[in-house]
Amino acid sequence: MTAQVVDTRALATRLVCLRVLKDAIAQADAATRAALQAALLVGDRATAAVTGGDGQPVPVGTVTATKGAAGHTTAAVTDPNALIAWCWKHAYSEVQTVTLVRPAFQRRLLDVVKASGGWPDPDTGEILAVPGVTVTSPTPGSPGLMVKPTETADAEVRAAWADGRLRFADLAEIEAGEP
């Protein structure tokens, strides 16, 4: 029996890249959900479609605004540049030289802002507003979003992504190698 050689560098690179993409997708998901929730009324349904290989729209699912329960408070980065500017002033050690807020700090910042409505200034204790972060706290009965992909959504979305027919502007900076 021969020992299998594992390329730890390649695996580590893949894992780090997947983490960066996962964080970017989570941020884009939160911003997209907030925008769609603001645009839909309870009962409204929007159909999602990608451009098929023949250039025609192919439905891949629906999103319906539902009457939710009390819901939960969320905090999401909706303006990354405003957040970076704020961090330069109030938490400069948490900004990486690629002008990117460190993901661990961003998660902590969102949790604190969600809980207290802002970031406590370490010197004064004053709760500071954080530009670029939006906190939403649904009221009882406010809409939630029900996302229902079609049976073919997985294959259609993967094909559209692979063929370059599906692009998201907020992820383009990652695709282009920008910070």
Protein backbone atom coordinates (compact mmCIF):
# COMPACT_ATOMS: atom_id res chain seq x y z
CA MET A 1 0.00 0.00 0.00
CA THR A 2 1.42 3.39 -0.95
CA ALA A 3 0.91 6.55 1.01
CA GLN A 4 -1.12 9.19 -0.77
CA VAL A 5 0.57 12.57 -1.05
CA VAL A 6 -1.64 15.45 -0.01
CA ASP A 7 -0.92 18.90 -1.40
CA THR A 8 -1.65 20.86 1.77
CA ARG A 9 -0.81 24.18 0.14
CA ALA A 10 -3.36 23.63 -2.63
CA LEU A 11 -5.99 22.52 -0.10
CA ALA A 12 -5.25 25.48 2.20
CA THR A 13 -5.42 27.87 -0.76
CA ARG A 14 -8.75 26.40 -1.83
CA LEU A 15 -10.14 26.65 1.70
CA VAL A 16 -9.06 30.28 2.16
CA CYS A 17 -10.47 31.23 -1.26
CA LEU A 18 -13.75 29.50 -0.48
CA ARG A 19 -13.93 31.39 2.83
CA VAL A 20 -13.41 34.75 1.08
CA LEU A 21 -16.09 33.89 -1.48
CA LYS A 22 -18.45 32.63 1.23
CA ASP A 23 -18.09 35.90 3.17
CA ALA A 24 -18.69 37.96 0.01
CA ILE A 25 -21.72 35.88 -0.90
CA ALA A 26 -23.14 36.18 2.64
CA GLN A 27 -22.74 39.97 2.46
CA ALA A 28 -24.39 40.11 -0.98
CA ASP A 29 -27.18 37.80 0.23
CA ALA A 30 -27.96 40.03 3.23
CA ALA A 31 -28.01 43.21 1.13
CA THR A 32 -30.17 41.56 -1.56
CA ARG A 33 -32.63 40.22 1.01
CA ALA A 34 -32.94 43.65 2.64
CA ALA A 35 -33.57 45.32 -0.73
CA LEU A 36 -36.15 42.72 -1.78
CA GLN A 37 -37.95 42.82 1.57
CA ALA A 38 -38.23 46.59 1.23
CA ALA A 39 -39.64 46.26 -2.30
CA LEU A 40 -42.24 43.52 -1.75
CA LEU A 41 -45.50 43.55 0.18
CA VAL A 42 -46.83 40.48 1.95
CA GLY A 43 -48.15 38.10 -0.71
CA ASP A 44 -46.10 39.57 -3.55
CA ARG A 45 -44.11 37.04 -5.54
CA ALA A 46 -41.15 37.67 -7.82
CA THR A 47 -39.98 35.14 -10.38
CA ALA A 48 -36.26 34.58 -10.71
CA ALA A 49 -34.78 33.72 -14.11
CA VAL A 50 -31.35 33.32 -15.67
CA THR A 51 -30.50 33.72 -19.31
CA GLY A 52 -30.49 30.32 -20.96
CA GLY A 53 -27.95 29.14 -23.51
CA ASP A 54 -30.36 30.22 -26.25
CA GLY A 55 -30.56 33.77 -24.85
CA GLN A 56 -34.09 33.29 -23.51
CA PRO A 57 -35.01 33.65 -19.82
CA VAL A 58 -35.20 30.37 -17.90
CA PRO A 59 -37.20 30.49 -14.65
CA VAL A 60 -35.15 29.20 -11.71
CA GLY A 61 -37.53 29.90 -8.84
CA THR A 62 -39.68 32.36 -6.98
CA VAL A 63 -39.36 34.58 -3.94
CA THR A 64 -42.54 35.31 -2.02
CA ALA A 65 -42.98 37.90 0.72
CA THR A 66 -44.64 36.09 3.59
CA LYS A 67 -46.29 37.28 6.74
CA GLY A 68 -43.57 36.48 9.20
CA ALA A 69 -43.49 36.03 12.90
CA ALA A 70 -41.82 38.66 15.03
CA GLY A 71 -38.64 37.86 13.13
CA HIS A 72 -35.14 38.57 14.27
CA THR A 73 -32.97 41.62 14.15
CA THR A 74 -30.26 41.55 11.53
CA ALA A 75 -27.31 43.75 10.73
CA ALA A 76 -25.77 43.75 7.27
CA VAL A 77 -23.10 45.73 5.48
CA THR A 78 -24.95 47.59 2.76
CA ASP A 79 -22.22 50.09 1.91
CA PRO A 80 -18.74 48.53 2.26
CA ASN A 81 -16.93 51.78 1.41
CA ALA A 82 -18.74 53.69 4.17
CA LEU A 83 -17.91 50.90 6.62
CA ILE A 84 -14.24 50.99 5.64
CA ALA A 85 -14.13 54.77 6.10
CA TRP A 86 -15.73 54.43 9.53
CA CYS A 87 -13.31 51.66 10.55
CA TRP A 88 -10.33 53.79 9.46
CA LYS A 89 -11.47 56.40 11.97
CA HIS A 90 -12.70 54.26 14.86
CA ALA A 91 -11.07 50.82 14.55
CA TYR A 92 -8.10 51.31 12.19
CA SER A 93 -6.33 48.17 13.42
CA GLU A 94 -9.24 46.15 12.03
CA VAL A 95 -8.76 47.36 8.45
CA GLN A 96 -6.41 45.34 6.29
CA THR A 97 -4.04 47.06 3.92
CA VAL A 98 -6.14 45.91 0.99
CA THR A 99 -8.81 48.28 2.33
CA LEU A 100 -10.95 45.48 3.60
CA VAL A 101 -12.41 45.16 7.06
CA ARG A 102 -11.20 41.92 8.60
CA PRO A 103 -14.02 39.37 8.38
CA ALA A 104 -13.78 38.37 12.07
CA PHE A 105 -14.08 42.01 13.16
CA GLN A 106 -16.90 42.64 10.69
CA ARG A 107 -18.87 39.72 12.15
CA ARG A 108 -18.24 41.05 15.69
CA LEU A 109 -19.09 44.61 14.62
CA LEU A 110 -22.39 43.48 13.07
CA ASP A 111 -23.27 41.55 16.24
CA VAL A 112 -22.53 44.57 18.45
CA VAL A 113 -24.36 47.01 16.17
CA LYS A 114 -27.31 44.62 15.98
CA ALA A 115 -27.44 44.39 19.79
CA SER A 116 -26.77 48.02 20.71
CA GLY A 117 -27.61 50.06 17.63
CA GLY A 118 -24.03 51.22 17.15
CA TRP A 119 -20.41 50.73 18.18
CA PRO A 120 -19.31 51.86 21.66
CA ASP A 121 -16.42 54.33 21.51
CA PRO A 122 -13.75 52.79 23.80
CA ASP A 123 -12.76 56.21 25.18
CA THR A 124 -16.14 57.85 25.78
CA GLY A 125 -18.59 54.96 25.82
CA GLU A 126 -20.71 56.87 23.31
CA ILE A 127 -22.61 54.62 20.92
CA LEU A 128 -21.42 55.58 17.43
CA ALA A 129 -23.49 55.12 14.30
CA VAL A 130 -21.65 52.94 11.77
CA PRO A 131 -22.15 54.16 8.20
CA GLY A 132 -22.54 51.36 5.72
CA VAL A 133 -24.28 49.05 8.19
CA THR A 134 -28.05 48.70 8.19
CA VAL A 135 -29.90 47.17 11.12
CA THR A 136 -33.37 45.89 10.45
CA SER A 137 -35.70 44.78 13.19
CA PRO A 138 -38.92 43.41 11.80
CA THR A 139 -42.14 44.18 13.57
CA PRO A 140 -44.55 41.34 14.31
CA GLY A 141 -46.23 40.29 11.10
CA SER A 142 -43.65 41.98 8.90
CA PRO A 143 -42.81 40.09 5.75
CA GLY A 144 -40.23 37.39 5.49
CA LEU A 145 -38.94 35.92 2.24
CA MET A 146 -39.70 32.41 1.09
CA VAL A 147 -37.20 31.32 -1.59
CA LYS A 148 -38.28 28.35 -3.72
CA PRO A 149 -35.86 27.19 -6.42
CA THR A 150 -37.29 25.13 -9.27
CA GLU A 151 -36.27 21.50 -9.71
CA THR A 152 -33.83 22.55 -12.45
CA ALA A 153 -32.47 25.66 -10.69
CA ASP A 154 -29.23 24.02 -9.55
CA ALA A 155 -28.28 22.88 -13.05
CA GLU A 156 -29.45 26.10 -14.75
CA VAL A 157 -27.65 28.43 -12.33
CA ARG A 158 -24.43 26.38 -12.46
CA ALA A 159 -24.50 26.35 -16.26
CA ALA A 160 -25.20 30.09 -16.45
CA TRP A 161 -22.34 30.78 -14.01
CA ALA A 162 -19.91 28.52 -15.88
CA ASP A 163 -20.82 30.09 -19.25
CA GLY A 164 -20.47 33.66 -17.94
CA ARG A 165 -24.19 34.39 -18.37
CA LEU A 166 -24.66 35.04 -14.65
CA ARG A 167 -22.71 37.87 -13.04
CA PHE A 168 -23.20 39.97 -9.95
CA ALA A 169 -21.69 43.45 -9.83
CA ASP A 170 -21.02 43.25 -6.09
CA LEU A 171 -19.00 40.06 -6.60
CA ALA A 172 -17.22 41.36 -9.70
CA GLU A 173 -14.48 42.93 -7.61
CA ILE A 174 -13.57 39.48 -6.31
CA GLU A 175 -13.70 38.05 -9.81
CA ALA A 176 -11.48 40.88 -11.09
CA GLY A 177 -9.00 40.51 -8.27
CA GLU A 178 -9.85 43.78 -6.53
CA PRO A 179 -10.03 44.00 -2.74
